[in-house]
Amino acid sequence: METNDRFATYEGPHSSSEAMAILTTMAGPVYIEGAKPGDTLKIEVLDVALPLDYGWIGATPGRGPLGERIPAFRKARVRITPEGVVFNNRVIMPIRPMIGRIGVAPREESRRSNDKGVFGGGMGNTQITKGSTVYLPVFHAGGLLTIGDCHAAMGDGEATASAVECAFDATFRVTLEEHFKVSRPVVTTATEVMTTGEGETMEAATKRARQGMADLLVDPLGIDDTEAAMLIACAADVHTGLAGNPPYTMRVAVPKTVLGW
C-alpha cells in the first residue's frame, strides 16, 4: 500500500478544501477475500519504505502537548537521508518509520480518517512498523483495510500534533487468524505484546488499554482477574500514543515472555 505526500499543500487549519482533502486521504480500502464479521485479521508489516527524500514537520497553535508554546502555524521541510532526518545543519534525527493510522471499516457509520476505536484507526503507535503485527476485529465483509498518517519519525505523544509527515510505502501480509480472536486492536513486535486504548482523558485511555491487556492475559494463562491485575502491575509499561487533544490514545505493553510467546 502507498500513502501520499499529505503535507505538500497543507498550510495550517485554514488551508483550502483541496489541501484538507489531501491531508485526510487514506490509502485503501483493501478488501480481504474471505473476511467476515467476527473474524480477526492478522496484518504482518513485512517492509516499509520512504519513496521521497523529504518530509514535513508542522506546528499549530494550541495543538499537541506543546501547542501553547507555538504562536503561529509553521511548516518545515526536512531532508530524509540514509544518515537520518536532517532537522537543521546541527541536528540529524534517527529515521524511525511508523504507520500512524491502520484500521478496518468500523461497525457503525463512516468515521473521520483520524478517528480511533475498536476498529483501529489513528492509534499513533510508534511501534507499528517493519516486523510488527497488528490484529484487528472484522465488522464488515472484506474487512476494508486502510492506512494513513505515516511518518519517517515520531515521538510518543506527537508534541505538536505532527511528526515527520511523508509519503510512505508498506508491504503487508494479511491473513485470517483462526486461533487468536480480538475485540480490540492488539499489536506485537519481536519482544512485546501491546493493547491500545482511547478516551476523552489520558487516564481513561490508559484504563481502557490496561483493561484490554487484562482481558488478553486471562484465558491464555489460565488466571483470574486478580492475577492478571498483579501481572500488569509488575510487568506492563504504559506509553503515550496521541496526546494534547482528545480523544487521547495510550498503549500498554508486556514482554512476550509473560505470555510464553
C-alpha atoms as a PDB file:
ATOM      1  CA  MET A   1       0.000   0.000   0.000  1.00  0.00           C
ATOM      2  CA  GLU A   2       1.194   3.527  -0.791  1.00  0.00           C
ATOM      3  CA  THR A   3       0.282   6.760   1.009  1.00  0.00           C
ATOM      4  CA  ASN A   4       0.552  10.269  -0.367  1.00  0.00           C
ATOM      5  CA  ASP A   5       2.660  13.319   0.486  1.00  0.00           C
ATOM      6  CA  ARG A   6      -0.172  14.603   2.663  1.00  0.00           C
ATOM      7  CA  PHE A   7       1.520  17.811   3.893  1.00  0.00           C
ATOM      8  CA  ALA A   8       2.591  19.069   0.455  1.00  0.00           C
ATOM      9  CA  THR A   9      -0.147  21.706   0.140  1.00  0.00           C
ATOM     10  CA  TYR A  10      -1.276  21.935   3.767  1.00  0.00           C
ATOM     11  CA  GLU A  11      -0.712  25.369   5.310  1.00  0.00           C
ATOM     12  CA  GLY A  12      -2.497  25.066   8.614  1.00  0.00           C
ATOM     13  CA  PRO A  13      -6.104  24.806   9.814  1.00  0.00           C
ATOM     14  CA  HIS A  14      -7.302  27.410   7.300  1.00  0.00           C
ATOM     15  CA  SER A  15      -5.965  25.556   4.263  1.00  0.00           C
ATOM     16  CA  SER A  16      -8.063  25.138   1.136  1.00  0.00           C
ATOM     17  CA  SER A  17     -10.596  22.358   0.900  1.00  0.00           C
ATOM     18  CA  GLU A  18      -8.359  20.651  -1.670  1.00  0.00           C
ATOM     19  CA  ALA A  19      -5.394  20.712   0.720  1.00  0.00           C
ATOM     20  CA  MET A  20      -7.547  19.373   3.557  1.00  0.00           C
ATOM     21  CA  ALA A  21      -8.787  16.555   1.327  1.00  0.00           C
ATOM     22  CA  ILE A  22      -5.198  15.563   0.545  1.00  0.00           C
ATOM     23  CA  LEU A  23      -4.297  15.770   4.236  1.00  0.00           C
ATOM     24  CA  THR A  24      -7.077  13.403   5.285  1.00  0.00           C
ATOM     25  CA  THR A  25      -6.970  10.930   2.395  1.00  0.00           C
ATOM     26  CA  MET A  26      -6.314   7.314   3.417  1.00  0.00           C
ATOM     27  CA  ALA A  27      -4.864   4.507   1.302  1.00  0.00           C
ATOM     28  CA  GLY A  28      -7.413   1.779   0.649  1.00  0.00           C
ATOM     29  CA  PRO A  29      -9.811   0.316   1.443  1.00  0.00           C
ATOM     30  CA  VAL A  30      -8.448  -3.140   0.663  1.00  0.00           C
ATOM     31  CA  TYR A  31     -10.971  -5.972   0.525  1.00  0.00           C
ATOM     32  CA  ILE A  32      -9.625  -9.109   2.222  1.00  0.00           C
ATOM     33  CA  GLU A  33     -11.097 -12.139   0.457  1.00  0.00           C
ATOM     34  CA  GLY A  34     -12.959 -14.391   2.892  1.00  0.00           C
ATOM     35  CA  ALA A  35     -13.000 -11.970   5.836  1.00  0.00           C
ATOM     36  CA  LYS A  36     -16.386 -11.743   7.539  1.00  0.00           C
ATOM     37  CA  PRO A  37     -17.802 -10.119  10.682  1.00  0.00           C
ATOM     38  CA  GLY A  38     -16.429 -11.769  13.815  1.00  0.00           C
ATOM     39  CA  ASP A  39     -13.123 -12.723  12.211  1.00  0.00           C
ATOM     40  CA  THR A  40      -9.716 -11.409  13.235  1.00  0.00           C
ATOM     41  CA  LEU A  41      -7.253 -10.021  10.701  1.00  0.00           C
ATOM     42  CA  LYS A  42      -3.563 -10.703  11.246  1.00  0.00           C
ATOM     43  CA  ILE A  43      -1.671  -7.912   9.483  1.00  0.00           C
ATOM     44  CA  GLU A  44       2.080  -8.502   9.339  1.00  0.00           C
ATOM     45  CA  VAL A  45       4.193  -5.490   8.355  1.00  0.00           C
ATOM     46  CA  LEU A  46       6.794  -7.097   6.104  1.00  0.00           C
ATOM     47  CA  ASP A  47       8.528  -3.935   4.921  1.00  0.00           C
ATOM     48  CA  VAL A  48       8.311  -0.152   4.972  1.00  0.00           C
ATOM     49  CA  ALA A  49       9.977   2.350   2.648  1.00  0.00           C
ATOM     50  CA  LEU A  50      10.153   6.120   2.199  1.00  0.00           C
ATOM     51  CA  PRO A  51       9.828   6.838  -1.545  1.00  0.00           C
ATOM     52  CA  LEU A  52      10.705  10.556  -1.316  1.00  0.00           C
ATOM     53  CA  ASP A  53      13.835  12.219   0.070  1.00  0.00           C
ATOM     54  CA  TYR A  54      11.939  14.799   2.093  1.00  0.00           C
ATOM     55  CA  GLY A  55       9.195  15.195   4.649  1.00  0.00           C
ATOM     56  CA  TRP A  56       7.403  17.919   6.606  1.00  0.00           C
ATOM     57  CA  ILE A  57       7.114  18.872  10.267  1.00  0.00           C
ATOM     58  CA  GLY A  58       4.199  21.070  11.292  1.00  0.00           C
ATOM     59  CA  ALA A  59       3.425  23.034  14.435  1.00  0.00           C
ATOM     60  CA  THR A  60      -0.009  24.538  15.104  1.00  0.00           C
ATOM     61  CA  PRO A  61      -1.015  26.867  17.961  1.00  0.00           C
ATOM     62  CA  GLY A  62      -2.998  25.032  20.607  1.00  0.00           C
ATOM     63  CA  ARG A  63      -2.463  21.569  19.156  1.00  0.00           C
ATOM     64  CA  GLY A  64      -0.467  18.857  20.857  1.00  0.00           C
ATOM     65  CA  PRO A  65       1.057  18.907  24.366  1.00  0.00           C
ATOM     66  CA  LEU A  66       3.311  21.837  23.417  1.00  0.00           C
ATOM     67  CA  GLY A  67       0.695  23.774  21.484  1.00  0.00           C
ATOM     68  CA  GLU A  68       0.732  26.673  23.962  1.00  0.00           C
ATOM     69  CA  ARG A  69       4.368  27.378  23.031  1.00  0.00           C
ATOM     70  CA  ILE A  70       3.527  27.871  19.345  1.00  0.00           C
ATOM     71  CA  PRO A  71       2.493  31.450  18.404  1.00  0.00           C
ATOM     72  CA  ALA A  72       1.723  30.794  14.719  1.00  0.00           C
ATOM     73  CA  PHE A  73       1.487  27.886  12.302  1.00  0.00           C
ATOM     74  CA  ARG A  74       4.844  26.783  10.947  1.00  0.00           C
ATOM     75  CA  LYS A  75       5.774  24.072   8.465  1.00  0.00           C
ATOM     76  CA  ALA A  76       9.347  22.971   7.870  1.00  0.00           C
ATOM     77  CA  ARG A  77      10.586  20.826   5.001  1.00  0.00           C
ATOM     78  CA  VAL A  78      13.266  18.372   6.127  1.00  0.00           C
ATOM     79  CA  ARG A  79      15.546  16.086   4.145  1.00  0.00           C
ATOM     80  CA  ILE A  80      15.385  12.316   4.600  1.00  0.00           C
ATOM     81  CA  THR A  81      18.824  10.805   4.062  1.00  0.00           C
ATOM     82  CA  PRO A  82      20.442   7.426   4.777  1.00  0.00           C
ATOM     83  CA  GLU A  83      22.048   9.078   7.815  1.00  0.00           C
ATOM     84  CA  GLY A  84      18.743  10.297   9.223  1.00  0.00           C
ATOM     85  CA  VAL A  85      16.211  13.131   9.080  1.00  0.00           C
ATOM     86  CA  VAL A  86      18.102  16.412   8.701  1.00  0.00           C
ATOM     87  CA  PHE A  87      16.322  18.819  11.040  1.00  0.00           C
ATOM     88  CA  ASN A  88      18.874  21.613  10.523  1.00  0.00           C
ATOM     89  CA  ASN A  89      22.645  21.966   9.989  1.00  0.00           C
ATOM     90  CA  ARG A  90      23.292  20.866  13.587  1.00  0.00           C
ATOM     91  CA  VAL A  91      20.648  18.220  14.269  1.00  0.00           C
ATOM     92  CA  ILE A  92      20.050  14.902  12.498  1.00  0.00           C
ATOM     93  CA  MET A  93      17.299  12.695  13.907  1.00  0.00           C
ATOM     94  CA  PRO A  94      17.194   8.897  13.559  1.00  0.00           C
ATOM     95  CA  ILE A  95      14.800   7.561  10.933  1.00  0.00           C
ATOM     96  CA  ARG A  96      12.022   5.652  12.684  1.00  0.00           C
ATOM     97  CA  PRO A  97       9.308   4.870  10.116  1.00  0.00           C
ATOM     98  CA  MET A  98       5.859   4.157  11.525  1.00  0.00           C
ATOM     99  CA  ILE A  99       2.231   3.837  10.457  1.00  0.00           C
ATOM    100  CA  GLY A 100       0.070   6.261  12.425  1.00  0.00           C
ATOM    101  CA  ARG A 101      -3.318   5.030  11.209  1.00  0.00           C
ATOM    102  CA  ILE A 102      -4.291   1.480  10.353  1.00  0.00           C
ATOM    103  CA  GLY A 103      -7.780   0.123  10.682  1.00  0.00           C
ATOM    104  CA  VAL A 104     -10.790  -1.609   9.233  1.00  0.00           C
ATOM    105  CA  ALA A 105     -14.275  -0.295   8.479  1.00  0.00           C
ATOM    106  CA  PRO A 106     -15.972   0.406  11.841  1.00  0.00           C
ATOM    107  CA  ARG A 107     -19.147  -1.355  12.863  1.00  0.00           C
ATOM    108  CA  GLU A 108     -21.144   1.892  12.741  1.00  0.00           C
ATOM    109  CA  GLU A 109     -21.264   4.549  10.047  1.00  0.00           C
ATOM    110  CA  SER A 110     -18.228   6.035   8.335  1.00  0.00           C
ATOM    111  CA  ARG A 111     -15.757   7.847  10.590  1.00  0.00           C
ATOM    112  CA  ARG A 112     -13.201  10.611  10.068  1.00  0.00           C
ATOM    113  CA  SER A 113      -9.737   9.489   8.987  1.00  0.00           C
ATOM    114  CA  ASN A 114      -8.197  10.492  12.339  1.00  0.00           C
ATOM    115  CA  ASP A 115     -10.784   8.660  14.472  1.00  0.00           C
ATOM    116  CA  LYS A 116      -9.769   5.670  16.538  1.00  0.00           C
ATOM    117  CA  GLY A 117     -11.530   2.872  18.387  1.00  0.00           C
ATOM    118  CA  VAL A 118     -12.064  -0.887  18.437  1.00  0.00           C
ATOM    119  CA  PHE A 119     -11.562  -0.842  14.653  1.00  0.00           C
ATOM    120  CA  GLY A 120      -8.026   0.580  14.995  1.00  0.00           C
ATOM    121  CA  GLY A 121      -7.622   3.864  13.149  1.00  0.00           C
ATOM    122  CA  GLY A 122      -5.438   6.698  14.441  1.00  0.00           C
ATOM    123  CA  MET A 123      -3.678   4.841  17.233  1.00  0.00           C
ATOM    124  CA  GLY A 124      -0.422   6.799  16.960  1.00  0.00           C
ATOM    125  CA  ASN A 125       1.560   3.705  17.998  1.00  0.00           C
ATOM    126  CA  THR A 126       5.206   4.269  17.066  1.00  0.00           C
ATOM    127  CA  GLN A 127       5.826   0.505  17.178  1.00  0.00           C
ATOM    128  CA  ILE A 128       3.686  -0.232  14.108  1.00  0.00           C
ATOM    129  CA  THR A 129       6.499  -0.622  11.618  1.00  0.00           C
ATOM    130  CA  LYS A 130       8.532  -3.306   9.849  1.00  0.00           C
ATOM    131  CA  GLY A 131       8.474  -6.523  11.867  1.00  0.00           C
ATOM    132  CA  SER A 132       5.333  -5.762  13.848  1.00  0.00           C
ATOM    133  CA  THR A 133       1.936  -7.454  13.577  1.00  0.00           C
ATOM    134  CA  VAL A 134      -1.442  -5.791  14.037  1.00  0.00           C
ATOM    135  CA  TYR A 135      -4.536  -7.816  14.956  1.00  0.00           C
ATOM    136  CA  LEU A 136      -7.898  -6.205  14.223  1.00  0.00           C
ATOM    137  CA  PRO A 137     -11.505  -7.407  14.547  1.00  0.00           C
ATOM    138  CA  VAL A 138     -13.617  -7.556  11.397  1.00  0.00           C
ATOM    139  CA  PHE A 139     -17.029  -5.847  11.287  1.00  0.00           C
ATOM    140  CA  HIS A 140     -17.879  -5.978   7.565  1.00  0.00           C
ATOM    141  CA  ALA A 141     -17.292  -8.385   4.699  1.00  0.00           C
ATOM    142  CA  GLY A 142     -13.749  -7.985   3.443  1.00  0.00           C
ATOM    143  CA  GLY A 143     -12.656  -6.025   6.497  1.00  0.00           C
ATOM    144  CA  LEU A 144     -11.837  -2.976   4.314  1.00  0.00           C
ATOM    145  CA  LEU A 145      -8.310  -2.179   5.484  1.00  0.00           C
ATOM    146  CA  THR A 146      -6.987   1.389   5.291  1.00  0.00           C
ATOM    147  CA  ILE A 147      -3.735   3.080   6.329  1.00  0.00           C
ATOM    148  CA  GLY A 148      -2.526   6.669   6.545  1.00  0.00           C
ATOM    149  CA  ASP A 149      -0.738   9.353   8.572  1.00  0.00           C
ATOM    150  CA  CYS A 150       2.642   7.688   8.153  1.00  0.00           C
ATOM    151  CA  HIS A 151       5.897   9.194   9.368  1.00  0.00           C
ATOM    152  CA  ALA A 152       9.651   8.940   8.904  1.00  0.00           C
ATOM    153  CA  ALA A 153       9.934   9.562  12.649  1.00  0.00           C
ATOM    154  CA  MET A 154       7.541  10.279  15.515  1.00  0.00           C
ATOM    155  CA  GLY A 155       7.980  10.703  19.248  1.00  0.00           C
ATOM    156  CA  ASP A 156       5.441   9.303  21.699  1.00  0.00           C
ATOM    157  CA  GLY A 157       2.678  11.847  22.241  1.00  0.00           C
ATOM    158  CA  GLU A 158       3.350  13.766  18.987  1.00  0.00           C
ATOM    159  CA  ALA A 159       4.009  17.009  20.897  1.00  0.00           C
ATOM    160  CA  THR A 160       2.970  19.398  18.092  1.00  0.00           C
ATOM    161  CA  ALA A 161       0.257  17.124  16.633  1.00  0.00           C
ATOM    162  CA  SER A 162       2.682  16.478  13.755  1.00  0.00           C
ATOM    163  CA  ALA A 163       5.705  14.266  13.211  1.00  0.00           C
ATOM    164  CA  VAL A 164       7.867  13.867  10.090  1.00  0.00           C
ATOM    165  CA  GLU A 165       4.954  13.653   7.665  1.00  0.00           C
ATOM    166  CA  CYS A 166       5.860  11.962   4.395  1.00  0.00           C
ATOM    167  CA  ALA A 167       4.846   9.641   1.596  1.00  0.00           C
ATOM    168  CA  PHE A 168       5.129   6.006   2.617  1.00  0.00           C
ATOM    169  CA  ASP A 169       5.159   2.527   1.104  1.00  0.00           C
ATOM    170  CA  ALA A 170       4.261  -0.500   3.211  1.00  0.00           C
ATOM    171  CA  THR A 171       4.163  -4.187   2.359  1.00  0.00           C
ATOM    172  CA  PHE A 172       1.767  -6.359   4.353  1.00  0.00           C
ATOM    173  CA  ARG A 173       0.807  -9.996   4.596  1.00  0.00           C
ATOM    174  CA  VAL A 174      -2.831 -10.202   5.686  1.00  0.00           C
ATOM    175  CA  THR A 175      -4.341 -13.487   6.811  1.00  0.00           C
ATOM    176  CA  LEU A 176      -7.361 -14.610   8.802  1.00  0.00           C
ATOM    177  CA  GLU A 177      -6.261 -15.524  12.326  1.00  0.00           C
ATOM    178  CA  GLU A 178      -8.114 -18.655  13.387  1.00  0.00           C
ATOM    179  CA  HIS A 179      -6.672 -19.294  16.848  1.00  0.00           C
ATOM    180  CA  PHE A 180      -6.362 -15.797  18.327  1.00  0.00           C
ATOM    181  CA  LYS A 181      -9.518 -13.672  18.383  1.00  0.00           C
ATOM    182  CA  VAL A 182      -9.547  -9.991  19.322  1.00  0.00           C
ATOM    183  CA  SER A 183     -12.308  -7.484  20.024  1.00  0.00           C
ATOM    184  CA  ARG A 184      -9.897  -4.526  20.080  1.00  0.00           C
ATOM    185  CA  PRO A 185      -6.552  -3.829  18.377  1.00  0.00           C
ATOM    186  CA  VAL A 186      -3.554  -5.823  19.554  1.00  0.00           C
ATOM    187  CA  VAL A 187      -0.034  -5.113  18.312  1.00  0.00           C
ATOM    188  CA  THR A 188       3.006  -7.353  18.652  1.00  0.00           C
ATOM    189  CA  THR A 189       6.684  -6.759  17.988  1.00  0.00           C
ATOM    190  CA  ALA A 190       9.645  -9.108  18.274  1.00  0.00           C
ATOM    191  CA  THR A 191       9.668  -8.618  22.050  1.00  0.00           C
ATOM    192  CA  GLU A 192       6.336  -7.129  23.198  1.00  0.00           C
ATOM    193  CA  VAL A 193       2.570  -7.527  23.112  1.00  0.00           C
ATOM    194  CA  MET A 194       0.552  -4.303  23.226  1.00  0.00           C
ATOM    195  CA  THR A 195      -3.059  -3.356  23.785  1.00  0.00           C
ATOM    196  CA  THR A 196      -4.405   0.087  22.961  1.00  0.00           C
ATOM    197  CA  GLY A 197      -6.973   2.413  24.438  1.00  0.00           C
ATOM    198  CA  GLU A 198      -8.598   5.714  23.591  1.00  0.00           C
ATOM    199  CA  GLY A 199     -10.578   8.173  25.696  1.00  0.00           C
ATOM    200  CA  GLU A 200     -11.534  11.761  26.442  1.00  0.00           C
ATOM    201  CA  THR A 201      -8.744  11.863  29.043  1.00  0.00           C
ATOM    202  CA  MET A 202      -5.353  10.164  29.092  1.00  0.00           C
ATOM    203  CA  GLU A 203      -6.422   8.374  32.260  1.00  0.00           C
ATOM    204  CA  ALA A 204      -9.490   6.944  30.521  1.00  0.00           C
ATOM    205  CA  ALA A 205      -7.388   5.858  27.535  1.00  0.00           C
ATOM    206  CA  THR A 206      -4.861   4.199  29.849  1.00  0.00           C
ATOM    207  CA  LYS A 207      -7.607   2.386  31.756  1.00  0.00           C
ATOM    208  CA  ARG A 208      -9.076   1.049  28.527  1.00  0.00           C
ATOM    209  CA  ALA A 209      -5.670  -0.176  27.360  1.00  0.00           C
ATOM    210  CA  ARG A 210      -4.992  -1.834  30.736  1.00  0.00           C
ATOM    211  CA  GLN A 211      -8.406  -3.497  30.706  1.00  0.00           C
ATOM    212  CA  GLY A 212      -7.638  -4.814  27.243  1.00  0.00           C
ATOM    213  CA  MET A 213      -4.363  -6.258  28.468  1.00  0.00           C
ATOM    214  CA  ALA A 214      -6.107  -7.907  31.439  1.00  0.00           C
ATOM    215  CA  ASP A 215      -8.637  -9.484  29.077  1.00  0.00           C
ATOM    216  CA  LEU A 216      -5.785 -10.680  26.876  1.00  0.00           C
ATOM    217  CA  LEU A 217      -3.907 -12.378  29.729  1.00  0.00           C
ATOM    218  CA  VAL A 218      -6.724 -14.256  31.479  1.00  0.00           C
ATOM    219  CA  ASP A 219      -7.557 -17.095  29.077  1.00  0.00           C
ATOM    220  CA  PRO A 220      -4.111 -17.927  27.614  1.00  0.00           C
ATOM    221  CA  LEU A 221      -2.513 -18.039  31.067  1.00  0.00           C
ATOM    222  CA  GLY A 222      -5.445 -19.668  32.876  1.00  0.00           C
ATOM    223  CA  ILE A 223      -5.517 -16.947  35.531  1.00  0.00           C
ATOM    224  CA  ASP A 224      -8.243 -14.863  37.155  1.00  0.00           C
ATOM    225  CA  ASP A 225      -8.772 -11.108  37.042  1.00  0.00           C
ATOM    226  CA  THR A 226      -6.822 -10.502  40.253  1.00  0.00           C
ATOM    227  CA  GLU A 227      -3.786 -12.388  38.968  1.00  0.00           C
ATOM    228  CA  ALA A 228      -3.989 -10.534  35.655  1.00  0.00           C
ATOM    229  CA  ALA A 229      -4.012  -7.237  37.550  1.00  0.00           C
ATOM    230  CA  MET A 230      -0.994  -8.380  39.555  1.00  0.00           C
ATOM    231  CA  LEU A 231       0.947  -9.240  36.399  1.00  0.00           C
ATOM    232  CA  ILE A 232       0.121  -5.906  34.787  1.00  0.00           C
ATOM    233  CA  ALA A 233       1.168  -4.049  37.933  1.00  0.00           C
ATOM    234  CA  CYS A 234       4.579  -5.709  37.777  1.00  0.00           C
ATOM    235  CA  ALA A 235       5.318  -6.277  34.084  1.00  0.00           C
ATOM    236  CA  ALA A 236       3.402  -3.745  31.982  1.00  0.00           C
ATOM    237  CA  ASP A 237       4.719  -0.435  30.662  1.00  0.00           C
ATOM    238  CA  VAL A 238       2.416   2.414  29.634  1.00  0.00           C
ATOM    239  CA  HIS A 239       3.269   4.618  26.630  1.00  0.00           C
ATOM    240  CA  THR A 240       1.602   7.670  25.149  1.00  0.00           C
ATOM    241  CA  GLY A 241       0.146   7.377  21.676  1.00  0.00           C
ATOM    242  CA  LEU A 242      -1.501  10.709  20.813  1.00  0.00           C
ATOM    243  CA  ALA A 243      -1.738  13.478  23.414  1.00  0.00           C
ATOM    244  CA  GLY A 244      -2.668  17.137  23.661  1.00  0.00           C
ATOM    245  CA  ASN A 245      -6.199  16.958  22.284  1.00  0.00           C
ATOM    246  CA  PRO A 246      -8.929  14.365  22.916  1.00  0.00           C
ATOM    247  CA  PRO A 247      -9.579  11.644  22.167  1.00  0.00           C
ATOM    248  CA  TYR A 248      -6.214  10.545  23.503  1.00  0.00           C
ATOM    249  CA  THR A 249      -4.573   7.192  22.790  1.00  0.00           C
ATOM    250  CA  MET A 250      -2.373   5.081  25.032  1.00  0.00           C
ATOM    251  CA  ARG A 251      -0.774   1.664  24.784  1.00  0.00           C
ATOM    252  CA  VAL A 252       0.134  -0.929  27.406  1.00  0.00           C
ATOM    253  CA  ALA A 253       2.982  -3.332  26.645  1.00  0.00           C
ATOM    254  CA  VAL A 254       4.169  -6.542  28.299  1.00  0.00           C
ATOM    255  CA  PRO A 255       7.086  -8.762  27.284  1.00  0.00           C
ATOM    256  CA  LYS A 256       6.115 -11.654  25.044  1.00  0.00           C
ATOM    257  CA  THR A 257       7.760 -13.965  27.551  1.00  0.00           C
ATOM    258  CA  VAL A 258       4.934 -13.239  30.013  1.00  0.00           C
ATOM    259  CA  LEU A 259       2.517 -14.901  27.614  1.00  0.00           C
ATOM    260  CA  GLY A 260       5.011 -17.566  26.611  1.00  0.00           C
ATOM    261  CA  TRP A 261       5.057 -16.288  23.005  1.00  0.00           C
END
